[in-house]
């Protein structure tokens, strides 16, 4: 039993060492690549602005089409659910007609 606890402790130590090593490697790579990231950020900023403008224009153009498509899809979904229920509604209507025609109560006018 002591061996298992010792093995678990060694595994935790190895995990901690690997975690520290990976963190140090990440920090070194981040520092080495920082000038490149800054340069690319400055060079790509105009492209990001163009992308935002084009995306906004496309949104204005495509939004009405998408709204229309969602309305048509909602109508199709409603029809797909309602059409199989039509025979049940017809049977319920027939039962209502039979029940309504057999009742002979008359309202007393005062």
C-alpha atoms as a PDB file:
ATOM      1  CA  UNK A   1       0.000   0.000   0.000  1.00  0.00           C
ATOM      2  CA  UNK A   2       2.861   2.337   0.797  1.00  0.00           C
ATOM      3  CA  UNK A   3       4.296   1.624  -2.616  1.00  0.00           C
ATOM      4  CA  UNK A   4       1.096   2.861  -4.298  1.00  0.00           C
ATOM      5  CA  UNK A   5       1.126   6.083  -2.298  1.00  0.00           C
ATOM      6  CA  UNK A   6       4.803   6.563  -3.138  1.00  0.00           C
ATOM      7  CA  UNK A   7       4.092   5.883  -6.820  1.00  0.00           C
ATOM      8  CA  UNK A   8       1.255   8.409  -6.796  1.00  0.00           C
ATOM      9  CA  UNK A   9       3.543  10.978  -5.157  1.00  0.00           C
ATOM     10  CA  UNK A  10       6.229  10.392  -7.806  1.00  0.00           C
ATOM     11  CA  UNK A  11       3.601  10.771 -10.529  1.00  0.00           C
ATOM     12  CA  UNK A  12       2.507  14.103  -9.044  1.00  0.00           C
ATOM     13  CA  UNK A  13       6.105  15.322  -8.884  1.00  0.00           C
ATOM     14  CA  UNK A  14       6.688  14.311 -12.526  1.00  0.00           C
ATOM     15  CA  UNK A  15       3.460  16.067 -13.520  1.00  0.00           C
ATOM     16  CA  UNK A  16       4.535  19.224 -11.705  1.00  0.00           C
ATOM     17  CA  UNK A  17       7.979  19.193 -13.357  1.00  0.00           C
ATOM     18  CA  UNK A  18       6.464  18.689 -16.818  1.00  0.00           C
ATOM     19  CA  UNK A  19       3.949  21.481 -16.182  1.00  0.00           C
ATOM     20  CA  UNK A  20       6.688  23.886 -15.136  1.00  0.00           C
ATOM     21  CA  UNK A  21       8.821  22.941 -18.164  1.00  0.00           C
ATOM     22  CA  UNK A  22       5.950  23.474 -20.592  1.00  0.00           C
ATOM     23  CA  UNK A  23       5.090  26.809 -18.969  1.00  0.00           C
ATOM     24  CA  UNK A  24       8.702  27.980 -19.270  1.00  0.00           C
ATOM     25  CA  UNK A  25       8.793  26.908 -22.948  1.00  0.00           C
ATOM     26  CA  UNK A  26       5.556  28.789 -23.566  1.00  0.00           C
ATOM     27  CA  UNK A  27       6.936  31.953 -21.956  1.00  0.00           C
ATOM     28  CA  UNK A  28      10.147  31.781 -24.013  1.00  0.00           C
ATOM     29  CA  UNK A  29       8.257  31.259 -27.276  1.00  0.00           C
ATOM     30  CA  UNK A  30       5.875  34.094 -26.378  1.00  0.00           C
ATOM     31  CA  UNK A  31       8.787  36.486 -25.781  1.00  0.00           C
ATOM     32  CA  UNK A  32      10.649  35.419 -28.928  1.00  0.00           C
ATOM     33  CA  UNK A  33       7.585  35.711 -31.156  1.00  0.00           C
ATOM     34  CA  UNK A  34       6.242  38.941 -29.607  1.00  0.00           C
ATOM     35  CA  UNK A  35       7.899  41.297 -32.153  1.00  0.00           C
ATOM     36  CA  UNK A  36       6.588  39.200 -35.031  1.00  0.00           C
ATOM     37  CA  UNK A  37       3.072  39.242 -33.573  1.00  0.00           C
ATOM     38  CA  UNK A  38       3.199  43.008 -33.095  1.00  0.00           C
ATOM     39  CA  UNK A  39       4.442  43.544 -36.666  1.00  0.00           C
ATOM     40  CA  UNK A  40       1.746  41.312 -38.127  1.00  0.00           C
ATOM     41  CA  UNK A  41      -0.862  43.065 -36.003  1.00  0.00           C
ATOM     42  CA  UNK A  42       0.138  46.444 -37.412  1.00  0.00           C
ATOM     43  CA  UNK A  43       0.268  45.127 -40.984  1.00  0.00           C
ATOM     44  CA  UNK A  44      -3.036  43.289 -40.793  1.00  0.00           C
ATOM     45  CA  UNK A  45      -5.037  46.067 -39.101  1.00  0.00           C
ATOM     46  CA  UNK A  46      -6.153  47.619 -42.436  1.00  0.00           C
ATOM     47  CA  UNK A  47      -7.271  44.205 -43.649  1.00  0.00           C
ATOM     48  CA  UNK A  48      -9.308  43.714 -40.491  1.00  0.00           C
ATOM     49  CA  UNK A  49     -10.985  47.083 -41.059  1.00  0.00           C
ATOM     50  CA  UNK A  50     -11.818  46.123 -44.655  1.00  0.00           C
ATOM     51  CA  UNK A  51     -13.181  42.809 -43.387  1.00  0.00           C
ATOM     52  CA  UNK A  52     -15.403  44.620 -40.870  1.00  0.00           C
ATOM     53  CA  UNK A  53     -16.760  47.004 -43.520  1.00  0.00           C
ATOM     54  CA  UNK A  54     -17.450  44.228 -46.027  1.00  0.00           C
ATOM     55  CA  UNK A  55     -19.062  42.119 -43.302  1.00  0.00           C
ATOM     56  CA  UNK A  56     -21.321  44.985 -42.297  1.00  0.00           C
ATOM     57  CA  UNK A  57     -22.424  45.608 -45.879  1.00  0.00           C
ATOM     58  CA  UNK A  58     -23.072  41.898 -46.434  1.00  0.00           C
ATOM     59  CA  UNK A  59     -25.061  41.757 -43.206  1.00  0.00           C
ATOM     60  CA  UNK A  60     -27.301  44.585 -44.407  1.00  0.00           C
ATOM     61  CA  UNK A  61     -27.839  42.780 -47.715  1.00  0.00           C
ATOM     62  CA  UNK A  62     -28.255  39.229 -46.389  1.00  0.00           C
ATOM     63  CA  UNK A  63     -30.296  39.931 -43.230  1.00  0.00           C
ATOM     64  CA  UNK A  64     -33.664  40.449 -45.000  1.00  0.00           C
ATOM     65  CA  UNK A  65     -33.153  37.305 -47.045  1.00  0.00           C
ATOM     66  CA  UNK A  66     -32.372  35.321 -43.905  1.00  0.00           C
ATOM     67  CA  UNK A  67     -35.425  36.706 -42.110  1.00  0.00           C
ATOM     68  CA  UNK A  68     -37.609  35.673 -45.049  1.00  0.00           C
ATOM     69  CA  UNK A  69     -36.000  32.228 -45.061  1.00  0.00           C
ATOM     70  CA  UNK A  70     -36.705  31.822 -41.332  1.00  0.00           C
ATOM     71  CA  UNK A  71     -40.359  32.808 -41.831  1.00  0.00           C
ATOM     72  CA  UNK A  72     -40.747  30.281 -44.657  1.00  0.00           C
ATOM     73  CA  UNK A  73     -39.023  27.602 -42.560  1.00  0.00           C
ATOM     74  CA  UNK A  74     -41.361  28.316 -39.622  1.00  0.00           C
ATOM     75  CA  UNK A  75     -44.402  28.015 -41.908  1.00  0.00           C
ATOM     76  CA  UNK A  76     -43.059  24.737 -43.329  1.00  0.00           C
ATOM     77  CA  UNK A  77     -42.485  23.404 -39.815  1.00  0.00           C
ATOM     78  CA  UNK A  78     -46.017  24.385 -38.799  1.00  0.00           C
ATOM     79  CA  UNK A  79     -47.443  22.667 -41.896  1.00  0.00           C
ATOM     80  CA  UNK A  80     -45.335  19.547 -41.287  1.00  0.00           C
ATOM     81  CA  UNK A  81     -46.733  19.283 -37.766  1.00  0.00           C
ATOM     82  CA  UNK A  82     -50.332  20.245 -38.602  1.00  0.00           C
ATOM     83  CA  UNK A  83     -50.935  18.090 -41.687  1.00  0.00           C
ATOM     84  CA  UNK A  84     -50.579  14.715 -39.914  1.00  0.00           C
ATOM     85  CA  UNK A  85     -53.039  15.929 -37.244  1.00  0.00           C
ATOM     86  CA  UNK A  86     -55.789  16.765 -39.758  1.00  0.00           C
ATOM     87  CA  UNK A  87     -57.488  13.317 -39.565  1.00  0.00           C
ATOM     88  CA  UNK A  88     -57.677  13.607 -35.782  1.00  0.00           C
ATOM     89  CA  UNK A  89     -59.131  17.091 -36.063  1.00  0.00           C
ATOM     90  CA  UNK A  90     -61.701  15.795 -38.576  1.00  0.00           C
ATOM     91  CA  UNK A  91     -62.761  12.991 -36.220  1.00  0.00           C
ATOM     92  CA  UNK A  92     -63.043  15.473 -33.354  1.00  0.00           C
ATOM     93  CA  UNK A  93     -65.163  17.744 -35.550  1.00  0.00           C
ATOM     94  CA  UNK A  94     -67.494  14.842 -36.440  1.00  0.00           C
ATOM     95  CA  UNK A  95     -67.865  13.906 -32.776  1.00  0.00           C
ATOM     96  CA  UNK A  96     -68.656  17.524 -31.959  1.00  0.00           C
ATOM     97  CA  UNK A  97     -71.296  17.616 -34.720  1.00  0.00           C
ATOM     98  CA  UNK A  98     -72.943  14.429 -33.424  1.00  0.00           C
ATOM     99  CA  UNK A  99     -72.926  15.620 -29.828  1.00  0.00           C
ATOM    100  CA  UNK A 100     -74.250  19.037 -30.806  1.00  0.00           C
ATOM    101  CA  UNK A 101     -77.069  17.632 -32.950  1.00  0.00           C
ATOM    102  CA  UNK A 102     -78.278  15.164 -30.306  1.00  0.00           C
ATOM    103  CA  UNK A 103     -78.616  17.694 -27.531  1.00  0.00           C
ATOM    104  CA  UNK A 104     -82.166  18.983 -27.523  1.00  0.00           C
ATOM    105  CA  UNK A 105     -81.947  21.529 -24.795  1.00  0.00           C
ATOM    106  CA  UNK A 106     -83.531  24.822 -25.575  1.00  0.00           C
ATOM    107  CA  UNK A 107     -82.709  28.057 -23.951  1.00  0.00           C
ATOM    108  CA  UNK A 108     -85.501  29.620 -21.988  1.00  0.00           C
ATOM    109  CA  UNK A 109     -85.885  33.268 -22.881  1.00  0.00           C
ATOM    110  CA  UNK A 110     -86.833  35.530 -20.051  1.00  0.00           C
END
